[in-house]
Each structure stands twice: as structure tokens, then as C-alpha cells.
Amino acid sequence: MFRLFRLMVDSTAPSKWTPPLAMNAVSLPPLPPTLPSAEDARLAAEAGPRLVAAIGGAAPSAPRIMVGEDAVELPAVALRMLADILAQLADGKAVTVVPYDAELTTQQAADFLNISRPYVVTLLERGALPYRKVGTHRRVLFKDLLVYQGRSRIARAAALDELTAEAQELKLGY
């Protein structure tokens, strides 16, 4: 998404990219997670609010953007995703788009959950996270990580509520 936006901003020469014969999805090579430059963050901060204002709460049914001289029609959901990406870039955060059903390595899963890889392996072996093996390597579906993350947040919130209630019962001043 961001690459498309950058093409729109920086494009002065004709594109040398040609789509493959059968294109089911965008087939540009994935970008490594990289923090946006100060200029990228500035552009995102300017473009994001303008895009949100143009969307006006509901994305148009067939939005189009200009890439050089070409008008490109987008799915309405892509426009909303682009607005979200611009907001993150404006805050100086790196953005990576991951398909919902992508298989991740244990290290990628650990990075996403912000925990160690050995702890991810422990979660897999205890059955807290489903996985499959590819040879000797474990693979975890991204959607399963999202489910686990949601369950974990609910469990942490319940534990915090319980601790707060206990502290109030004991009149600990919380």
C-alpha cells in the first residue's frame, strides 16, 4: 500500500513494472520492516487526514487513485487500510502487511507477540497455540496468533481486575 502511495507522490518516470500474467494479489516483493524516514512521516501526516476527510466516514464504492497518469481503482477496504497505514507512518512506526492466513516461523510469532522464541515453543508444545511442522520446523498461522493474543489480553485484564478487587478489600489504597 505504502509503495503505491510513494509512487503517486514520487513518480516522474514511466513505470518499468509489468504485472504477471495471472495476478491474484499484489506481487511486489515484500518490504522489510523499516522505520519511516522523517520525510515519509511528514508526508504521511499530511496525506492521512486528507484521505480520512475524503473518505468521510465511509469509503466510496469504487475509489480511484492516480499513479502518474494512470487512474487505479481500489477496493473500498484498501482505502481504509491505506488511511490506517498513513496514521502509523505519521507516528514514526514501521508497518508490515501480513495476510490473515500467513504461516509464520516461531521467531516471527515471537516478534509479533513480543515474547521470546523459546516461550513460543513452550506455548506450542503445551497446546496453547496450534501449529504444524514443516520438516523439523514449526509454523504458526497468523490468525491463530491473533486469537491467542486476544485470549491473553482478556486473561490479563481479568487478573488485573481480580488484583484490584483484592487490593480494595484489603484497603491497600489502590
N, C-alpha and C. Protein backbone atom coordinates (compact mmCIF):
# COMPACT_ATOMS: atom_id res chain seq x y z
N MET A 1 0.83 -1.19 0.00
CA MET A 1 0.00 0.00 0.00
C MET A 1 0.87 1.25 0.00
N PHE A 2 1.83 1.31 0.92
CA PHE A 2 2.65 2.50 1.02
C PHE A 2 3.47 2.69 -0.24
N ARG A 3 3.93 1.61 -0.83
CA ARG A 3 4.68 1.72 -2.07
C ARG A 3 3.84 2.38 -3.15
N LEU A 4 2.58 2.03 -3.23
CA LEU A 4 1.68 2.64 -4.20
C LEU A 4 1.55 4.13 -3.94
N PHE A 5 1.44 4.52 -2.67
CA PHE A 5 1.34 5.92 -2.29
C PHE A 5 2.62 6.65 -2.68
N ARG A 6 3.77 6.03 -2.43
CA ARG A 6 5.03 6.67 -2.77
C ARG A 6 5.15 6.84 -4.28
N LEU A 7 4.67 5.88 -5.05
CA LEU A 7 4.68 6.04 -6.49
C LEU A 7 3.86 7.25 -6.91
N MET A 8 2.73 7.43 -6.24
CA MET A 8 1.87 8.55 -6.59
C MET A 8 2.58 9.87 -6.29
N VAL A 9 3.34 9.93 -5.19
CA VAL A 9 3.99 11.16 -4.80
C VAL A 9 5.26 11.39 -5.61
N ASP A 10 6.07 10.32 -5.79
CA ASP A 10 7.39 10.48 -6.37
C ASP A 10 7.48 10.16 -7.85
N SER A 11 6.42 9.68 -8.47
CA SER A 11 6.51 9.18 -9.84
C SER A 11 6.70 10.31 -10.84
N THR A 12 7.84 10.27 -11.53
CA THR A 12 8.07 11.21 -12.62
C THR A 12 8.45 10.46 -13.88
N ALA A 13 8.96 9.25 -13.72
CA ALA A 13 9.36 8.44 -14.87
C ALA A 13 8.32 7.35 -15.09
N PRO A 14 8.22 6.86 -16.32
CA PRO A 14 7.28 5.77 -16.58
C PRO A 14 7.68 4.51 -15.80
N SER A 15 6.70 3.76 -15.37
CA SER A 15 6.95 2.56 -14.59
C SER A 15 7.51 1.45 -15.46
N LYS A 16 8.50 0.70 -14.93
CA LYS A 16 9.05 -0.44 -15.64
C LYS A 16 8.43 -1.73 -15.15
N TRP A 17 7.55 -1.66 -14.14
CA TRP A 17 6.92 -2.85 -13.58
C TRP A 17 5.79 -3.30 -14.48
N THR A 18 5.80 -4.57 -14.81
CA THR A 18 4.70 -5.15 -15.59
C THR A 18 4.07 -6.26 -14.77
N PRO A 19 2.74 -6.29 -14.70
CA PRO A 19 2.10 -7.31 -13.88
C PRO A 19 2.28 -8.69 -14.48
N PRO A 20 2.32 -9.72 -13.61
CA PRO A 20 2.40 -11.09 -14.14
C PRO A 20 1.12 -11.43 -14.89
N LEU A 21 1.17 -12.50 -15.67
CA LEU A 21 0.01 -12.87 -16.47
C LEU A 21 -1.22 -13.15 -15.62
N ALA A 22 -1.08 -13.94 -14.58
CA ALA A 22 -2.21 -14.23 -13.68
C ALA A 22 -1.88 -13.62 -12.34
N MET A 23 -2.53 -12.52 -12.01
CA MET A 23 -2.20 -11.81 -10.78
C MET A 23 -3.35 -11.94 -9.80
N ASN A 24 -3.18 -12.78 -8.78
CA ASN A 24 -4.20 -12.96 -7.75
C ASN A 24 -4.04 -11.95 -6.64
N ALA A 25 -2.84 -11.44 -6.45
CA ALA A 25 -2.58 -10.47 -5.39
C ALA A 25 -1.41 -9.62 -5.86
N VAL A 26 -1.15 -8.55 -5.12
CA VAL A 26 -0.03 -7.70 -5.45
C VAL A 26 1.23 -8.54 -5.34
N SER A 27 2.07 -8.51 -6.35
CA SER A 27 3.21 -9.40 -6.36
C SER A 27 4.54 -8.67 -6.26
N LEU A 28 4.53 -7.49 -5.68
CA LEU A 28 5.79 -6.82 -5.41
C LEU A 28 6.49 -7.56 -4.28
N PRO A 29 7.81 -7.59 -4.28
CA PRO A 29 8.49 -8.27 -3.17
C PRO A 29 8.19 -7.54 -1.87
N PRO A 30 8.04 -8.29 -0.77
CA PRO A 30 7.72 -7.64 0.50
C PRO A 30 8.86 -6.76 0.97
N LEU A 31 8.50 -5.66 1.59
CA LEU A 31 9.50 -4.76 2.15
C LEU A 31 9.86 -5.22 3.56
N PRO A 32 11.11 -5.13 3.93
CA PRO A 32 11.45 -5.45 5.32
C PRO A 32 10.89 -4.36 6.24
N PRO A 33 10.54 -4.71 7.48
CA PRO A 33 10.05 -3.66 8.38
C PRO A 33 11.13 -2.60 8.57
N THR A 34 10.81 -1.38 8.22
CA THR A 34 11.75 -0.27 8.30
C THR A 34 11.02 0.93 8.85
N LEU A 35 11.65 1.62 9.79
CA LEU A 35 11.03 2.84 10.30
C LEU A 35 10.98 3.87 9.18
N PRO A 36 9.89 4.62 9.11
CA PRO A 36 9.80 5.64 8.06
C PRO A 36 10.80 6.76 8.32
N SER A 37 11.29 7.34 7.24
CA SER A 37 12.17 8.49 7.37
C SER A 37 11.34 9.68 7.87
N ALA A 38 12.00 10.74 8.27
CA ALA A 38 11.30 11.94 8.73
C ALA A 38 10.42 12.49 7.60
N GLU A 39 10.93 12.42 6.37
CA GLU A 39 10.16 12.91 5.22
C GLU A 39 8.93 12.04 4.97
N ASP A 40 9.10 10.70 5.08
CA ASP A 40 7.95 9.80 4.91
C ASP A 40 6.90 10.06 5.98
N ALA A 41 7.35 10.26 7.22
CA ALA A 41 6.41 10.53 8.31
C ALA A 41 5.68 11.85 8.07
N ARG A 42 6.40 12.86 7.57
CA ARG A 42 5.78 14.15 7.29
C ARG A 42 4.74 14.02 6.19
N LEU A 43 5.09 13.31 5.11
CA LEU A 43 4.13 13.11 4.01
C LEU A 43 2.90 12.34 4.48
N ALA A 44 3.13 11.31 5.30
CA ALA A 44 2.02 10.52 5.82
C ALA A 44 1.13 11.37 6.72
N ALA A 45 1.75 12.24 7.54
CA ALA A 45 0.98 13.10 8.43
C ALA A 45 0.12 14.10 7.64
N GLU A 46 0.61 14.53 6.49
CA GLU A 46 -0.17 15.45 5.65
C GLU A 46 -1.26 14.71 4.88
N ALA A 47 -0.91 13.54 4.32
CA ALA A 47 -1.84 12.81 3.46
C ALA A 47 -2.93 12.09 4.24
N GLY A 48 -2.59 11.57 5.42
CA GLY A 48 -3.55 10.78 6.21
C GLY A 48 -4.84 11.52 6.50
N PRO A 49 -4.77 12.69 7.14
CA PRO A 49 -6.01 13.43 7.42
C PRO A 49 -6.79 13.82 6.16
N ARG A 50 -6.07 14.13 5.08
CA ARG A 50 -6.76 14.46 3.83
C ARG A 50 -7.51 13.26 3.28
N LEU A 51 -6.89 12.08 3.40
CA LEU A 51 -7.54 10.86 2.94
C LEU A 51 -8.76 10.55 3.79
N VAL A 52 -8.62 10.67 5.11
CA VAL A 52 -9.75 10.41 6.01
C VAL A 52 -10.89 11.39 5.72
N ALA A 53 -10.55 12.65 5.47
CA ALA A 53 -11.59 13.64 5.15
C ALA A 53 -12.26 13.30 3.82
N ALA A 54 -11.48 12.81 2.87
CA ALA A 54 -12.05 12.45 1.57
C ALA A 54 -12.97 11.23 1.69
N ILE A 55 -12.58 10.29 2.56
CA ILE A 55 -13.42 9.11 2.77
C ILE A 55 -14.72 9.51 3.45
N GLY A 56 -14.63 10.42 4.41
CA GLY A 56 -15.82 10.94 5.08
C GLY A 56 -16.58 9.90 5.90
N GLY A 57 -15.88 8.99 6.55
CA GLY A 57 -16.55 8.01 7.40
C GLY A 57 -16.89 6.72 6.67
N ALA A 58 -17.17 6.77 5.38
CA ALA A 58 -17.47 5.56 4.62
C ALA A 58 -16.71 5.64 3.30
N ALA A 59 -16.00 4.61 3.00
CA ALA A 59 -15.22 4.60 1.76
C ALA A 59 -16.14 4.57 0.56
N PRO A 60 -15.80 5.30 -0.49
CA PRO A 60 -16.61 5.26 -1.70
C PRO A 60 -16.64 3.83 -2.27
N SER A 61 -17.64 3.54 -3.07
CA SER A 61 -17.79 2.17 -3.58
C SER A 61 -16.70 1.79 -4.57
N ALA A 62 -16.15 2.70 -5.30
CA ALA A 62 -15.09 2.39 -6.27
C ALA A 62 -14.04 3.51 -6.24
N PRO A 63 -13.25 3.59 -5.17
CA PRO A 63 -12.26 4.67 -5.09
C PRO A 63 -11.17 4.51 -6.14
N ARG A 64 -10.65 5.62 -6.59
CA ARG A 64 -9.56 5.62 -7.56
C ARG A 64 -8.46 6.53 -7.06
N ILE A 65 -7.24 6.12 -7.33
CA ILE A 65 -6.10 6.98 -7.05
C ILE A 65 -5.34 7.17 -8.35
N MET A 66 -4.57 8.23 -8.41
CA MET A 66 -3.77 8.49 -9.59
C MET A 66 -2.33 8.06 -9.31
N VAL A 67 -1.77 7.26 -10.21
CA VAL A 67 -0.37 6.84 -10.16
C VAL A 67 0.23 7.34 -11.46
N GLY A 68 0.93 8.45 -11.35
CA GLY A 68 1.40 9.09 -12.58
C GLY A 68 0.20 9.56 -13.38
N GLU A 69 0.04 9.06 -14.58
CA GLU A 69 -1.09 9.41 -15.44
C GLU A 69 -2.22 8.38 -15.37
N ASP A 70 -1.99 7.28 -14.69
CA ASP A 70 -2.96 6.19 -14.64
C ASP A 70 -3.87 6.29 -13.42
N ALA A 71 -5.17 6.11 -13.66
CA ALA A 71 -6.13 6.00 -12.56
C ALA A 71 -6.24 4.53 -12.19
N VAL A 72 -6.07 4.24 -10.91
CA VAL A 72 -6.13 2.86 -10.43
C VAL A 72 -7.34 2.74 -9.50
N GLU A 73 -8.24 1.82 -9.83
CA GLU A 73 -9.41 1.58 -8.99
C GLU A 73 -9.03 0.62 -7.88
N LEU A 74 -9.44 0.96 -6.67
CA LEU A 74 -9.11 0.16 -5.49
C LEU A 74 -10.36 -0.42 -4.86
N PRO A 75 -10.22 -1.55 -4.16
CA PRO A 75 -11.34 -1.99 -3.32
C PRO A 75 -11.52 -0.96 -2.21
N ALA A 76 -12.74 -0.72 -1.79
CA ALA A 76 -13.02 0.28 -0.76
C ALA A 76 -12.24 0.00 0.52
N VAL A 77 -12.08 -1.26 0.87
CA VAL A 77 -11.37 -1.61 2.10
C VAL A 77 -9.90 -1.20 2.02
N ALA A 78 -9.32 -1.20 0.82
CA ALA A 78 -7.92 -0.81 0.67
C ALA A 78 -7.71 0.65 1.02
N LEU A 79 -8.69 1.50 0.72
CA LEU A 79 -8.59 2.91 1.05
C LEU A 79 -8.55 3.10 2.56
N ARG A 80 -9.39 2.36 3.29
CA ARG A 80 -9.40 2.44 4.75
C ARG A 80 -8.06 1.93 5.31
N MET A 81 -7.55 0.83 4.73
CA MET A 81 -6.27 0.30 5.17
C MET A 81 -5.15 1.32 4.92
N LEU A 82 -5.21 1.98 3.79
CA LEU A 82 -4.21 2.99 3.48
C LEU A 82 -4.24 4.12 4.50
N ALA A 83 -5.44 4.54 4.91
CA ALA A 83 -5.55 5.58 5.93
C ALA A 83 -4.94 5.12 7.25
N ASP A 84 -5.16 3.86 7.62
CA ASP A 84 -4.57 3.31 8.85
C ASP A 84 -3.05 3.24 8.74
N ILE A 85 -2.54 2.83 7.58
CA ILE A 85 -1.09 2.76 7.37
C ILE A 85 -0.48 4.14 7.47
N LEU A 86 -1.10 5.14 6.86
CA LEU A 86 -0.58 6.50 6.92
C LEU A 86 -0.54 7.02 8.35
N ALA A 87 -1.55 6.69 9.15
CA ALA A 87 -1.57 7.13 10.56
C ALA A 87 -0.39 6.53 11.32
N GLN A 88 -0.10 5.26 11.08
CA GLN A 88 1.04 4.62 11.76
C GLN A 88 2.37 5.21 11.30
N LEU A 89 2.51 5.43 10.01
CA LEU A 89 3.74 6.02 9.47
C LEU A 89 3.94 7.44 10.00
N ALA A 90 2.86 8.19 10.12
CA ALA A 90 2.96 9.56 10.64
C ALA A 90 3.46 9.55 12.08
N ASP A 91 3.15 8.48 12.82
CA ASP A 91 3.65 8.34 14.20
C ASP A 91 5.06 7.79 14.25
N GLY A 92 5.67 7.56 13.08
CA GLY A 92 7.04 7.06 13.03
C GLY A 92 7.17 5.56 13.24
N LYS A 93 6.07 4.83 13.06
CA LYS A 93 6.09 3.39 13.28
C LYS A 93 6.27 2.65 11.96
N ALA A 94 6.99 1.54 12.03
CA ALA A 94 7.14 0.67 10.86
C ALA A 94 5.83 -0.08 10.65
N VAL A 95 5.48 -0.34 9.42
CA VAL A 95 4.23 -1.03 9.09
C VAL A 95 4.55 -2.22 8.20
N THR A 96 3.97 -3.35 8.53
CA THR A 96 4.09 -4.55 7.71
C THR A 96 2.69 -5.09 7.48
N VAL A 97 2.37 -5.43 6.26
CA VAL A 97 1.07 -6.02 5.96
C VAL A 97 1.26 -7.54 5.92
N VAL A 98 0.49 -8.24 6.76
CA VAL A 98 0.59 -9.69 6.86
C VAL A 98 -0.77 -10.29 6.49
N PRO A 99 -0.81 -11.21 5.55
CA PRO A 99 -2.08 -11.87 5.24
C PRO A 99 -2.60 -12.62 6.46
N TYR A 100 -3.90 -12.63 6.64
CA TYR A 100 -4.54 -13.24 7.80
C TYR A 100 -4.18 -14.71 7.93
N ASP A 101 -4.03 -15.42 6.82
CA ASP A 101 -3.75 -16.86 6.87
C ASP A 101 -2.27 -17.19 6.61
N ALA A 102 -1.38 -16.22 6.81
CA ALA A 102 0.05 -16.45 6.59
C ALA A 102 0.60 -17.39 7.65
N GLU A 103 1.54 -18.23 7.24
CA GLU A 103 2.26 -19.09 8.18
C GLU A 103 3.54 -18.39 8.59
N LEU A 104 3.77 -18.32 9.89
CA LEU A 104 4.94 -17.63 10.42
C LEU A 104 5.87 -18.62 11.11
N THR A 105 7.14 -18.28 11.14
CA THR A 105 8.10 -19.08 11.90
C THR A 105 7.90 -18.78 13.38
N THR A 106 8.53 -19.58 14.23
CA THR A 106 8.41 -19.32 15.67
C THR A 106 9.05 -17.98 16.02
N GLN A 107 10.10 -17.58 15.32
CA GLN A 107 10.73 -16.29 15.60
C GLN A 107 9.81 -15.14 15.19
N GLN A 108 9.15 -15.27 14.05
CA GLN A 108 8.21 -14.23 13.63
C GLN A 108 7.04 -14.15 14.60
N ALA A 109 6.56 -15.30 15.06
CA ALA A 109 5.47 -15.32 16.04
C ALA A 109 5.91 -14.65 17.33
N ALA A 110 7.13 -14.94 17.77
CA ALA A 110 7.66 -14.33 18.99
C ALA A 110 7.77 -12.81 18.83
N ASP A 111 8.25 -12.38 17.68
CA ASP A 111 8.37 -10.94 17.43
C ASP A 111 7.01 -10.26 17.46
N PHE A 112 6.01 -10.90 16.86
CA PHE A 112 4.67 -10.33 16.84
C PHE A 112 4.08 -10.24 18.25
N LEU A 113 4.24 -11.30 19.04
CA LEU A 113 3.67 -11.33 20.39
C LEU A 113 4.55 -10.61 21.42
N ASN A 114 5.75 -10.21 20.99
CA ASN A 114 6.71 -9.53 21.87
C ASN A 114 7.11 -10.42 23.05
N ILE A 115 7.38 -11.68 22.74
CA ILE A 115 7.86 -12.65 23.72
C ILE A 115 9.04 -13.39 23.11
N SER A 116 9.72 -14.20 23.90
CA SER A 116 10.88 -14.92 23.37
C SER A 116 10.47 -16.10 22.51
N ARG A 117 11.34 -16.49 21.60
CA ARG A 117 11.08 -17.65 20.77
C ARG A 117 10.96 -18.93 21.59
N PRO A 118 11.83 -19.14 22.62
CA PRO A 118 11.66 -20.35 23.43
C PRO A 118 10.30 -20.40 24.14
N TYR A 119 9.77 -19.25 24.54
CA TYR A 119 8.46 -19.25 25.18
C TYR A 119 7.37 -19.59 24.16
N VAL A 120 7.52 -19.15 22.92
CA VAL A 120 6.56 -19.52 21.87
C VAL A 120 6.59 -21.04 21.70
N VAL A 121 7.78 -21.63 21.66
CA VAL A 121 7.90 -23.08 21.53
C VAL A 121 7.20 -23.77 22.70
N THR A 122 7.36 -23.23 23.91
CA THR A 122 6.67 -23.79 25.08
C THR A 122 5.16 -23.72 24.90
N LEU A 123 4.65 -22.59 24.41
CA LEU A 123 3.21 -22.45 24.16
C LEU A 123 2.73 -23.47 23.13
N LEU A 124 3.53 -23.69 22.11
CA LEU A 124 3.17 -24.66 21.08
C LEU A 124 3.12 -26.07 21.66
N GLU A 125 4.13 -26.41 22.43
CA GLU A 125 4.20 -27.76 23.00
C GLU A 125 3.12 -28.01 24.04
N ARG A 126 2.68 -26.96 24.74
CA ARG A 126 1.59 -27.11 25.73
C ARG A 126 0.22 -27.12 25.07
N GLY A 127 0.16 -26.79 23.78
CA GLY A 127 -1.11 -26.78 23.07
C GLY A 127 -1.86 -25.45 23.17
N ALA A 128 -1.19 -24.43 23.68
CA ALA A 128 -1.83 -23.11 23.79
C ALA A 128 -1.97 -22.44 22.43
N LEU A 129 -1.13 -22.83 21.51
CA LEU A 129 -1.16 -22.32 20.13
C LEU A 129 -1.08 -23.49 19.17
N PRO A 130 -1.99 -23.58 18.20
CA PRO A 130 -1.88 -24.64 17.20
C PRO A 130 -0.73 -24.35 16.24
N TYR A 131 -0.14 -25.41 15.72
CA TYR A 131 0.95 -25.26 14.75
C TYR A 131 1.03 -26.51 13.89
N ARG A 132 1.85 -26.42 12.86
CA ARG A 132 2.15 -27.60 12.06
C ARG A 132 3.65 -27.63 11.85
N LYS A 133 4.13 -28.80 11.56
CA LYS A 133 5.57 -28.94 11.32
C LYS A 133 5.85 -29.06 9.84
N VAL A 134 6.87 -28.38 9.40
CA VAL A 134 7.38 -28.48 8.04
C VAL A 134 8.79 -29.02 8.20
N GLY A 135 8.92 -30.33 8.02
CA GLY A 135 10.20 -30.97 8.34
C GLY A 135 10.38 -30.93 9.84
N THR A 136 11.43 -30.25 10.29
CA THR A 136 11.66 -30.10 11.73
C THR A 136 11.23 -28.72 12.23
N HIS A 137 10.73 -27.88 11.35
CA HIS A 137 10.38 -26.51 11.70
C HIS A 137 8.90 -26.36 12.00
N ARG A 138 8.58 -25.57 13.01
CA ARG A 138 7.19 -25.31 13.38
C ARG A 138 6.71 -24.07 12.64
N ARG A 139 5.45 -24.10 12.22
CA ARG A 139 4.82 -22.96 11.56
C ARG A 139 3.51 -22.66 12.27
N VAL A 140 3.24 -21.37 12.49
CA VAL A 140 2.05 -20.91 13.21
C VAL A 140 1.27 -19.99 12.28
N LEU A 141 -0.04 -20.19 12.20
CA LEU A 141 -0.86 -19.30 11.39
C LEU A 141 -1.02 -17.96 12.10
N PHE A 142 -0.95 -16.88 11.32
CA PHE A 142 -1.10 -15.54 11.88
C PHE A 142 -2.45 -15.38 12.56
N LYS A 143 -3.51 -15.94 11.96
CA LYS A 143 -4.84 -15.82 12.56
C LYS A 143 -4.89 -16.50 13.92
N ASP A 144 -4.13 -17.59 14.12
CA ASP A 144 -4.07 -18.24 15.43
C ASP A 144 -3.34 -17.37 16.44
N LEU A 145 -2.34 -16.63 15.98
CA LEU A 145 -1.65 -15.68 16.87
C LEU A 145 -2.60 -14.59 17.34
N LEU A 146 -3.45 -14.10 16.42
CA LEU A 146 -4.41 -13.07 16.80
C LEU A 146 -5.40 -13.58 17.83
N VAL A 147 -5.86 -14.83 17.67
CA VAL A 147 -6.78 -15.43 18.64
C VAL A 147 -6.09 -15.55 19.99
N TYR A 148 -4.87 -16.06 19.99
CA TYR A 148 -4.11 -16.21 21.24
C TYR A 148 -3.90 -14.85 21.90
N GLN A 149 -3.55 -13.86 21.11
CA GLN A 149 -3.31 -12.51 21.65
C GLN A 149 -4.58 -11.96 22.30
N GLY A 150 -5.72 -12.16 21.66
CA GLY A 150 -6.99 -11.71 22.22
C GLY A 150 -7.31 -12.41 23.53
N ARG A 151 -7.14 -13.75 23.55
CA ARG A 151 -7.38 -14.52 24.78
C ARG A 151 -6.44 -14.07 25.89
N SER A 152 -5.20 -13.81 25.53
CA SER A 152 -4.20 -13.38 26.51
C SER A 152 -4.56 -12.02 27.10
N ARG A 153 -5.02 -11.11 26.26
CA ARG A 153 -5.43 -9.78 26.76
C ARG A 153 -6.61 -9.90 27.73
N ILE A 154 -7.58 -10.75 27.39
CA ILE A 154 -8.75 -10.94 28.26
C ILE A 154 -8.31 -11.54 29.59
N ALA A 155 -7.41 -12.52 29.55
CA ALA A 155 -6.92 -13.15 30.78
C ALA A 155 -6.15 -12.15 31.63
N ARG A 156 -5.33 -11.31 31.02
CA ARG A 156 -4.57 -10.29 31.77
C ARG A 156 -5.51 -9.28 32.40
N ALA A 157 -6.52 -8.85 31.65
CA ALA A 157 -7.49 -7.88 32.19
C ALA A 157 -8.25 -8.48 33.37
N ALA A 158 -8.63 -9.76 33.28
CA ALA A 158 -9.34 -10.42 34.38
C ALA A 158 -8.44 -10.53 35.61
N ALA A 159 -7.18 -10.87 35.41
CA ALA A 159 -6.23 -10.96 36.53
C ALA A 159 -6.04 -9.60 37.18
N LEU A 160 -5.94 -8.57 36.38
CA LEU A 160 -5.78 -7.21 36.91
C LEU A 160 -7.02 -6.79 37.70
N ASP A 161 -8.20 -7.11 37.18
CA ASP A 161 -9.44 -6.80 37.90
C ASP A 161 -9.49 -7.52 39.24
N GLU A 162 -9.06 -8.78 39.25
CA GLU A 162 -9.05 -9.56 40.48
C GLU A 162 -8.07 -8.98 41.50
N LEU A 163 -6.89 -8.59 41.03
CA LEU A 163 -5.90 -7.98 41.92
C LEU A 163 -6.41 -6.65 42.47
N THR A 164 -7.06 -5.87 41.63
CA THR A 164 -7.61 -4.58 42.06
C THR A 164 -8.68 -4.79 43.12
N ALA A 165 -9.58 -5.74 42.88
CA ALA A 165 -10.64 -6.02 43.85
C ALA A 165 -10.05 -6.49 45.17
N GLU A 166 -9.04 -7.34 45.11
CA GLU A 166 -8.38 -7.83 46.32
C GLU A 166 -7.71 -6.69 47.08
N ALA A 167 -7.04 -5.80 46.36
CA ALA A 167 -6.38 -4.66 46.98
C ALA A 167 -7.40 -3.73 47.65
N GLN A 168 -8.56 -3.57 47.03
CA GLN A 168 -9.60 -2.72 47.61
C GLN A 168 -10.19 -3.37 48.87
N GLU A 169 -10.38 -4.70 48.83
CA GLU A 169 -10.87 -5.40 50.00
C GLU A 169 -9.91 -5.28 51.17
N LEU A 170 -8.63 -5.32 50.88
CA LEU A 170 -7.61 -5.22 51.92
C LEU A 170 -7.28 -3.77 52.27
N LYS A 171 -7.96 -2.83 51.62
CA LYS A 171 -7.77 -1.39 51.84
C LYS A 171 -6.29 -0.99 51.72
N LEU A 172 -5.72 -1.38 50.60
CA LEU A 172 -4.30 -1.08 50.34
C LEU A 172 -4.11 0.29 49.67
N GLY A 173 -5.19 1.01 49.46
CA GLY A 173 -5.07 2.35 48.92
C GLY A 173 -4.99 2.42 47.41
N TYR A 174 -5.41 1.37 46.71
CA TYR A 174 -5.39 1.40 45.24
C TYR A 174 -6.75 1.74 44.71
